């Protein structure tokens, strides 16, 4: 079974775009569970950064009856070890430039996640100045 799964993971990898809806549901569930399963938990906005960090802006009513809006992130390690195993030391300069311009960190999902991160930092900065 180990060899079979290794073969599948290496030669037939799952694309991030195909896994994205499930990853977002997993991240939403883990965020909801981390809060103690509030009944009125609602995701306002969410995104994945660098194919592993789930960023979520959500709203729920805390135990004091106050509606709270927060932003948090969690890491979802979904890739098998084969995805991290191959190191490419023989890249040409054109391949490196192409990766920097079109690689996985420059995706719309990552941009959306960084927007949520900037919003969280701004909220934290405003809390300190009050």
Protein backbone atom coordinates (compact mmCIF):
# COMPACT_ATOMS: atom_id res chain seq x y z
CA UNK A 1 0.00 0.00 0.00
CA UNK A 2 2.88 2.38 0.79
CA UNK A 3 4.48 1.84 -2.62
CA UNK A 4 1.13 2.21 -4.36
CA UNK A 5 0.33 5.50 -2.59
CA UNK A 6 3.85 6.78 -3.21
CA UNK A 7 3.48 5.97 -6.93
CA UNK A 8 0.09 7.75 -7.05
CA UNK A 9 1.39 10.79 -5.17
CA UNK A 10 4.48 11.07 -7.35
CA UNK A 11 3.10 10.40 -10.82
CA UNK A 12 -0.52 11.52 -10.41
CA UNK A 13 -0.43 14.45 -7.97
CA UNK A 14 -3.58 16.32 -6.96
CA UNK A 15 -3.61 19.91 -8.14
CA UNK A 16 -4.11 22.68 -5.61
CA UNK A 17 -7.08 24.05 -7.57
CA UNK A 18 -8.83 20.70 -7.28
CA UNK A 19 -8.13 20.43 -3.53
CA UNK A 20 -9.00 24.08 -2.73
CA UNK A 21 -12.75 23.69 -1.97
CA UNK A 22 -12.10 20.81 0.43
CA UNK A 23 -9.18 22.65 2.06
CA UNK A 24 -11.37 25.68 2.70
CA UNK A 25 -14.06 23.51 4.30
CA UNK A 26 -11.42 21.82 6.47
CA UNK A 27 -10.01 25.19 7.53
CA UNK A 28 -13.50 26.51 8.29
CA UNK A 29 -14.26 23.44 10.41
CA UNK A 30 -10.99 23.66 12.37
CA UNK A 31 -11.57 27.37 13.03
CA UNK A 32 -15.15 26.67 14.17
CA UNK A 33 -13.99 23.79 16.39
CA UNK A 34 -11.23 25.92 17.89
CA UNK A 35 -13.84 28.42 19.04
CA UNK A 36 -15.87 25.75 20.82
CA UNK A 37 -18.47 25.18 18.07
CA UNK A 38 -20.51 28.40 18.32
CA UNK A 39 -23.99 27.98 16.82
CA UNK A 40 -24.02 31.16 14.75
CA UNK A 41 -20.46 30.88 13.34
CA UNK A 42 -20.31 32.49 9.90
CA UNK A 43 -17.36 32.90 7.52
CA UNK A 44 -17.24 36.36 5.98
CA UNK A 45 -14.16 35.87 3.80
CA UNK A 46 -11.48 33.19 3.46
CA UNK A 47 -8.43 32.38 1.34
CA UNK A 48 -5.41 30.08 1.14
CA UNK A 49 -1.89 31.51 1.15
CA UNK A 50 1.00 29.55 -0.36
CA UNK A 51 -1.26 26.50 -0.71
CA UNK A 52 -1.06 25.73 3.05
CA UNK A 53 -2.16 28.68 5.22
CA UNK A 54 -5.92 29.11 5.62
CA UNK A 55 -6.89 32.71 6.44
CA UNK A 56 -10.42 33.36 7.62
CA UNK A 57 -12.48 36.38 8.62
CA UNK A 58 -15.46 35.16 10.63
CA UNK A 59 -18.22 36.27 12.95
CA UNK A 60 -19.87 34.58 15.93
CA UNK A 61 -21.61 35.41 19.22
CA UNK A 62 -19.41 34.82 22.26
CA UNK A 63 -20.57 33.51 25.66
CA UNK A 64 -21.39 37.08 26.81
CA UNK A 65 -23.83 37.55 23.92
CA UNK A 66 -21.54 39.95 22.03
CA UNK A 67 -21.16 39.53 18.26
CA UNK A 68 -17.43 39.20 17.57
CA UNK A 69 -15.67 39.56 14.21
CA UNK A 70 -12.14 38.14 14.07
CA UNK A 71 -9.46 37.11 11.59
CA UNK A 72 -7.19 34.13 12.13
CA UNK A 73 -5.04 31.66 10.23
CA UNK A 74 -4.18 28.00 10.57
CA UNK A 75 -1.83 25.75 8.66
CA UNK A 76 -3.31 22.85 6.71
CA UNK A 77 -0.60 20.33 5.87
CA UNK A 78 -2.37 18.44 3.09
CA UNK A 79 0.46 17.45 0.77
CA UNK A 80 2.16 14.06 1.08
CA UNK A 81 5.93 13.94 1.55
CA UNK A 82 6.54 13.35 -2.17
CA UNK A 83 5.41 16.91 -2.92
CA UNK A 84 8.27 18.26 -0.81
CA UNK A 85 10.89 15.67 -1.76
CA UNK A 86 11.92 16.84 -5.22
CA UNK A 87 14.40 19.68 -5.06
CA UNK A 88 15.22 21.42 -8.30
CA UNK A 89 18.80 22.65 -8.29
CA UNK A 90 19.12 22.83 -12.07
CA UNK A 91 16.73 25.70 -12.80
CA UNK A 92 17.64 28.10 -15.56
CA UNK A 93 17.38 31.84 -14.99
CA UNK A 94 14.25 31.99 -17.18
CA UNK A 95 12.58 29.24 -15.12
CA UNK A 96 13.36 31.09 -11.89
CA UNK A 97 11.93 34.36 -13.26
CA UNK A 98 8.84 32.53 -14.51
CA UNK A 99 8.31 30.97 -11.07
CA UNK A 100 8.69 34.32 -9.32
CA UNK A 101 6.15 35.92 -11.66
CA UNK A 102 3.69 33.02 -12.05
CA UNK A 103 4.50 30.69 -9.15
CA UNK A 104 2.09 29.52 -6.49
CA UNK A 105 2.80 32.46 -4.15
CA UNK A 106 1.58 34.91 -6.79
CA UNK A 107 -1.93 33.54 -7.00
CA UNK A 108 -5.24 35.29 -6.47
CA UNK A 109 -5.83 33.12 -3.39
CA UNK A 110 -2.55 34.24 -1.82
CA UNK A 111 -3.28 37.88 -2.64
CA UNK A 112 -6.67 37.52 -0.97
CA UNK A 113 -5.05 35.88 2.09
CA UNK A 114 -2.46 38.65 2.37
CA UNK A 115 -5.30 41.19 2.25
CA UNK A 116 -6.88 39.45 5.26
CA UNK A 117 -3.49 39.43 7.00
CA UNK A 118 -3.06 43.19 6.44
CA UNK A 119 -6.56 43.75 7.81
CA UNK A 120 -5.69 41.72 10.92
CA UNK A 121 -2.48 43.70 11.46
CA UNK A 122 -4.41 46.96 11.09
CA UNK A 123 -6.99 45.78 13.66
CA UNK A 124 -4.20 44.84 16.07
CA UNK A 125 -2.49 48.21 15.53
CA UNK A 126 -5.76 50.05 16.26
CA UNK A 127 -6.30 48.03 19.46
CA UNK A 128 -2.90 49.08 20.79
CA UNK A 129 -3.49 52.76 20.09
CA UNK A 130 -6.84 52.88 21.96
